[in-house]
């Protein structure tokens, strides 16, 4: 049966840029996997990030509130630069690409032509096939800071739209992709509704709290949520992130040090 996944290929790459094909970037990994018989092992990638801002225009169509949906679409189509509507965070203060020496969360400029599925699915397939990965668990990237949004309601608005878009447009097209669904932890009642909505989806392997926030996970208001997760039998994960806006991290003027300290501290808390 034809899975629709492209076949890995032999390549010779002199320079890796944001436009380089994923299979070319991972050519060494493919060869190493063949040498070590990775195809004979069951390998699961449990920390695969989706660059959701590249599909922000599609996601915006899933915003429930009619006024906010109109604003989001108008924001993306009629403003210079088309920034991601409603999203908070230091989007211009990300230095993990080390001045361009490491292609990390940069523009994904590689070409995808004639695909029967979403471009994001094709890129995921190129990665997991080249690395002999059997199953990939995906969750968002830019949304990791959504818990500190200055507009309280926007965490629920954007995360709900993203979760529904991702389940319908990405997960439904590839059984090898799973997700830890984003829980809008600032709203305990909405968290419960999110679990109830997605718990029966076989591609949703669990739920995730982004720990870049100031809400104590041990508070009694979350006990119903934890009880429901135990009832549906799906795990709860935590994903940290860096945060440069706390009073103590503001004292650090280098990205590397701030990232190393705040990323760990988020998960410790």
Protein backbone atom coordinates (compact mmCIF):
# COMPACT_ATOMS: atom_id res chain seq x y z
CA UNK A 1 0.00 0.00 0.00
CA UNK A 2 1.41 3.39 -1.02
CA UNK A 3 1.76 5.58 2.07
CA UNK A 4 2.44 8.69 0.02
CA UNK A 5 5.71 9.30 1.89
CA UNK A 6 8.63 10.28 -0.29
CA UNK A 7 11.58 7.89 -0.56
CA UNK A 8 14.87 8.94 1.10
CA UNK A 9 17.61 9.74 -1.39
CA UNK A 10 21.38 9.98 -1.72
CA UNK A 11 22.50 13.60 -1.77
CA UNK A 12 25.58 15.74 -1.50
CA UNK A 13 25.08 18.95 0.40
CA UNK A 14 27.71 21.68 0.54
CA UNK A 15 25.70 24.31 2.39
CA UNK A 16 22.63 24.09 4.59
CA UNK A 17 20.27 27.04 4.45
CA UNK A 18 16.66 27.72 5.43
CA UNK A 19 15.69 26.53 1.94
CA UNK A 20 17.49 23.18 2.13
CA UNK A 21 15.36 20.05 1.88
CA UNK A 22 14.84 18.26 5.21
CA UNK A 23 16.09 15.00 3.72
CA UNK A 24 19.32 16.67 2.70
CA UNK A 25 19.86 18.14 6.17
CA UNK A 26 19.31 14.72 7.74
CA UNK A 27 21.35 12.70 5.23
CA UNK A 28 23.99 11.82 7.80
CA UNK A 29 21.27 10.68 10.21
CA UNK A 30 19.82 8.44 7.49
CA UNK A 31 23.18 6.77 6.88
CA UNK A 32 23.81 6.32 10.59
CA UNK A 33 20.36 4.78 11.00
CA UNK A 34 21.06 2.30 8.21
CA UNK A 35 24.40 1.34 9.77
CA UNK A 36 22.80 0.77 13.17
CA UNK A 37 19.68 -0.98 11.86
CA UNK A 38 17.30 1.64 13.25
CA UNK A 39 14.58 0.35 10.94
CA UNK A 40 14.50 -2.82 13.06
CA UNK A 41 13.75 -0.80 16.22
CA UNK A 42 10.56 0.94 17.31
CA UNK A 43 11.51 4.59 17.75
CA UNK A 44 9.21 7.33 19.04
CA UNK A 45 10.05 11.03 18.98
CA UNK A 46 8.17 12.53 21.94
CA UNK A 47 9.43 16.11 21.53
CA UNK A 48 8.69 17.29 18.00
CA UNK A 49 7.84 20.96 17.59
CA UNK A 50 5.44 22.47 15.11
CA UNK A 51 6.13 25.98 13.81
CA UNK A 52 2.52 27.11 14.04
CA UNK A 53 3.07 30.71 12.98
CA UNK A 54 3.68 29.56 9.40
CA UNK A 55 0.05 28.43 9.23
CA UNK A 56 -1.38 31.23 11.34
CA UNK A 57 -3.70 32.37 8.57
CA UNK A 58 -5.30 28.92 8.38
CA UNK A 59 -5.51 28.63 12.15
CA UNK A 60 -7.19 32.03 12.40
CA UNK A 61 -10.19 30.68 10.48
CA UNK A 62 -10.85 28.38 13.46
CA UNK A 63 -11.26 31.23 15.97
CA UNK A 64 -14.79 30.91 17.34
CA UNK A 65 -15.51 34.55 18.10
CA UNK A 66 -16.70 36.18 14.87
CA UNK A 67 -15.23 39.60 15.67
CA UNK A 68 -11.83 38.22 16.69
CA UNK A 69 -11.79 35.94 13.65
CA UNK A 70 -12.42 38.92 11.36
CA UNK A 71 -9.71 40.92 13.12
CA UNK A 72 -7.24 38.06 12.80
CA UNK A 73 -7.80 37.59 9.07
CA UNK A 74 -7.72 41.35 8.45
CA UNK A 75 -4.55 41.65 10.54
CA UNK A 76 -2.80 39.01 8.47
CA UNK A 77 -3.88 40.29 5.07
CA UNK A 78 -3.85 44.07 5.43
CA UNK A 79 -0.85 44.86 7.61
CA UNK A 80 2.77 45.19 6.59
CA UNK A 81 4.70 42.07 7.50
CA UNK A 82 1.57 40.13 8.45
CA UNK A 83 2.57 39.33 12.07
CA UNK A 84 0.78 36.50 13.90
CA UNK A 85 -2.43 38.07 15.16
CA UNK A 86 -2.90 38.07 18.94
CA UNK A 87 0.28 36.16 19.76
CA UNK A 88 2.45 37.37 22.63
CA UNK A 89 6.07 36.62 23.34
CA UNK A 90 9.49 37.87 22.33
CA UNK A 91 9.21 36.82 18.71
CA UNK A 92 12.06 39.12 17.67
CA UNK A 93 14.37 38.08 20.52
CA UNK A 94 15.03 34.49 19.51
CA UNK A 95 18.70 33.75 19.05
CA UNK A 96 18.76 29.95 18.97
CA UNK A 97 19.99 29.99 15.38
CA UNK A 98 23.35 31.32 16.66
CA UNK A 99 23.59 34.05 14.08
CA UNK A 100 22.43 31.76 11.29
CA UNK A 101 24.97 29.01 11.95
CA UNK A 102 22.29 26.59 13.18
CA UNK A 103 18.98 26.35 11.30
CA UNK A 104 16.69 26.34 14.32
CA UNK A 105 13.10 27.52 14.11
CA UNK A 106 14.00 29.69 11.14
CA UNK A 107 12.12 30.03 7.91
CA UNK A 108 11.22 26.67 6.41
CA UNK A 109 11.79 27.55 2.79
CA UNK A 110 12.10 24.10 1.26
CA UNK A 111 9.81 23.33 -1.62
CA UNK A 112 6.82 21.01 -1.37
CA UNK A 113 5.05 20.49 -4.67
CA UNK A 114 2.10 18.37 -5.68
CA UNK A 115 1.47 16.95 -2.22
CA UNK A 116 -1.92 15.44 -1.42
CA UNK A 117 -1.63 16.46 2.23
CA UNK A 118 -0.79 19.65 4.12
CA UNK A 119 2.74 21.00 3.70
CA UNK A 120 3.40 20.59 7.43
CA UNK A 121 2.57 16.89 7.14
CA UNK A 122 5.00 16.46 4.26
CA UNK A 123 7.81 18.13 6.19
CA UNK A 124 7.12 15.93 9.22
CA UNK A 125 7.18 12.85 7.00
CA UNK A 126 10.50 13.81 5.47
CA UNK A 127 11.97 14.12 8.94
CA UNK A 128 10.63 10.95 10.53
CA UNK A 129 11.29 8.76 7.49
CA UNK A 130 14.90 9.93 7.21
CA UNK A 131 15.54 9.32 10.91
CA UNK A 132 13.76 5.92 11.00
CA UNK A 133 11.18 7.25 13.46
CA UNK A 134 8.00 5.22 13.70
CA UNK A 135 5.81 7.68 15.61
CA UNK A 136 6.13 11.41 16.27
CA UNK A 137 4.45 13.37 19.06
CA UNK A 138 3.97 16.99 18.04
CA UNK A 139 3.08 20.16 19.93
CA UNK A 140 3.34 23.88 19.29
CA UNK A 141 6.34 26.16 19.70
CA UNK A 142 5.37 29.84 19.74
CA UNK A 143 2.37 29.04 21.95
CA UNK A 144 4.70 28.03 24.78
CA UNK A 145 4.57 31.61 26.09
CA UNK A 146 0.80 31.94 25.76
CA UNK A 147 0.33 31.44 29.51
CA UNK A 148 1.79 34.90 30.14
CA UNK A 149 -0.47 36.68 27.63
CA UNK A 150 -1.47 40.16 28.89
CA UNK A 151 -5.01 39.55 27.61
CA UNK A 152 -6.36 36.78 29.83
CA UNK A 153 -8.95 35.50 27.35
CA UNK A 154 -6.55 35.16 24.41
CA UNK A 155 -4.94 31.99 25.75
CA UNK A 156 -8.23 30.15 25.41
CA UNK A 157 -9.13 31.80 22.09
CA UNK A 158 -5.86 30.98 20.34
CA UNK A 159 -5.18 27.57 21.88
CA UNK A 160 -8.68 26.29 21.10
CA UNK A 161 -8.42 27.46 17.50
CA UNK A 162 -4.97 25.91 17.16
CA UNK A 163 -5.96 22.59 18.73
CA UNK A 164 -8.94 22.19 16.41
CA UNK A 165 -7.01 23.23 13.32
CA UNK A 166 -4.14 20.89 14.15
CA UNK A 167 -6.39 17.91 14.80
CA UNK A 168 -8.38 18.44 11.60
CA UNK A 169 -5.70 19.57 9.16
CA UNK A 170 -2.57 17.75 10.36
CA UNK A 171 -3.29 14.77 12.63
CA UNK A 172 -6.09 13.45 10.45
CA UNK A 173 -3.75 13.05 7.47
CA UNK A 174 -1.05 10.85 9.01
CA UNK A 175 -1.49 8.10 11.62
CA UNK A 176 2.22 8.34 12.45
CA UNK A 177 1.67 11.80 13.93
CA UNK A 178 0.28 12.26 17.43
CA UNK A 179 -0.16 15.26 19.68
CA UNK A 180 0.00 16.51 23.22
CA UNK A 181 -2.93 18.93 23.09
CA UNK A 182 -2.36 22.38 24.58
CA UNK A 183 -4.30 22.96 27.81
CA UNK A 184 -5.25 26.64 28.41
CA UNK A 185 -4.16 26.37 32.03
CA UNK A 186 -5.21 29.91 32.89
CA UNK A 187 -8.84 28.75 32.62
CA UNK A 188 -9.45 25.50 34.56
CA UNK A 189 -13.00 25.10 33.21
CA UNK A 190 -11.81 25.45 29.62
CA UNK A 191 -9.09 22.89 30.33
CA UNK A 192 -11.79 20.40 31.29
CA UNK A 193 -13.76 21.17 28.12
CA UNK A 194 -10.57 20.69 26.07
CA UNK A 195 -9.95 17.25 27.56
CA UNK A 196 -13.58 16.28 26.98
CA UNK A 197 -13.37 17.41 23.34
CA UNK A 198 -10.13 15.65 22.40
CA UNK A 199 -9.83 12.66 24.75
CA UNK A 200 -11.52 10.29 22.28
CA UNK A 201 -9.23 11.26 19.41
CA UNK A 202 -6.80 8.38 18.91
CA UNK A 203 -4.14 10.76 17.59
CA UNK A 204 -4.21 12.73 20.84
CA UNK A 205 -1.89 10.76 23.09
CA UNK A 206 -2.12 13.19 25.99
CA UNK A 207 -2.35 16.78 27.12
CA UNK A 208 0.26 19.41 27.84
CA UNK A 209 0.69 22.37 30.16
CA UNK A 210 3.18 24.99 29.08
CA UNK A 211 5.04 25.88 32.24
CA UNK A 212 5.87 29.44 31.19
CA UNK A 213 3.25 31.01 33.44
CA UNK A 214 2.52 32.09 36.98
CA UNK A 215 -0.25 29.65 37.91
CA UNK A 216 0.64 27.09 40.62
CA UNK A 217 -0.06 23.59 39.32
CA UNK A 218 -0.91 22.36 42.83
CA UNK A 219 -3.84 24.74 43.31
CA UNK A 220 -7.15 23.12 44.27
CA UNK A 221 -8.91 24.62 41.27
CA UNK A 222 -7.08 22.10 39.05
CA UNK A 223 -8.08 18.96 40.96
CA UNK A 224 -11.14 18.30 38.75
CA UNK A 225 -8.92 18.53 35.69
CA UNK A 226 -6.43 16.03 37.11
CA UNK A 227 -9.27 13.71 38.08
CA UNK A 228 -10.66 13.85 34.55
CA UNK A 229 -7.26 13.10 33.02
CA UNK A 230 -6.96 10.08 35.27
CA UNK A 231 -10.45 9.00 34.23
CA UNK A 232 -9.77 9.22 30.49
CA UNK A 233 -6.43 7.47 30.97
CA UNK A 234 -4.22 9.88 29.07
CA UNK A 235 -1.01 11.43 30.44
CA UNK A 236 -0.29 15.02 31.35
CA UNK A 237 2.98 16.55 30.20
CA UNK A 238 4.78 19.79 31.01
CA UNK A 239 6.89 21.74 28.55
CA UNK A 240 9.11 24.56 29.71
CA UNK A 241 10.23 27.57 27.78
CA UNK A 242 12.41 30.57 28.29
CA UNK A 243 10.95 33.80 29.67
CA UNK A 244 12.86 37.05 29.60
CA UNK A 245 10.20 39.21 31.27
CA UNK A 246 10.50 38.08 34.89
CA UNK A 247 12.29 40.54 37.17
CA UNK A 248 15.17 38.15 37.76
CA UNK A 249 15.65 37.19 34.09
CA UNK A 250 15.61 40.86 33.08
CA UNK A 251 18.97 41.10 34.83
CA UNK A 252 20.52 38.76 32.25
CA UNK A 253 21.56 40.42 29.00
CA UNK A 254 22.69 37.32 27.07
CA UNK A 255 20.18 34.99 25.45
CA UNK A 256 22.10 31.79 26.14
CA UNK A 257 22.34 32.36 29.88
CA UNK A 258 18.72 33.49 30.14
CA UNK A 259 17.51 30.47 28.17
CA UNK A 260 19.55 27.98 30.18
CA UNK A 261 18.36 29.30 33.53
CA UNK A 262 14.72 30.19 32.86
CA UNK A 263 13.97 27.07 30.81
CA UNK A 264 15.00 24.79 33.68
CA UNK A 265 13.36 26.95 36.36
CA UNK A 266 9.99 26.84 34.57
CA UNK A 267 9.87 23.07 34.84
CA UNK A 268 11.24 23.00 38.40
CA UNK A 269 8.32 25.18 39.50
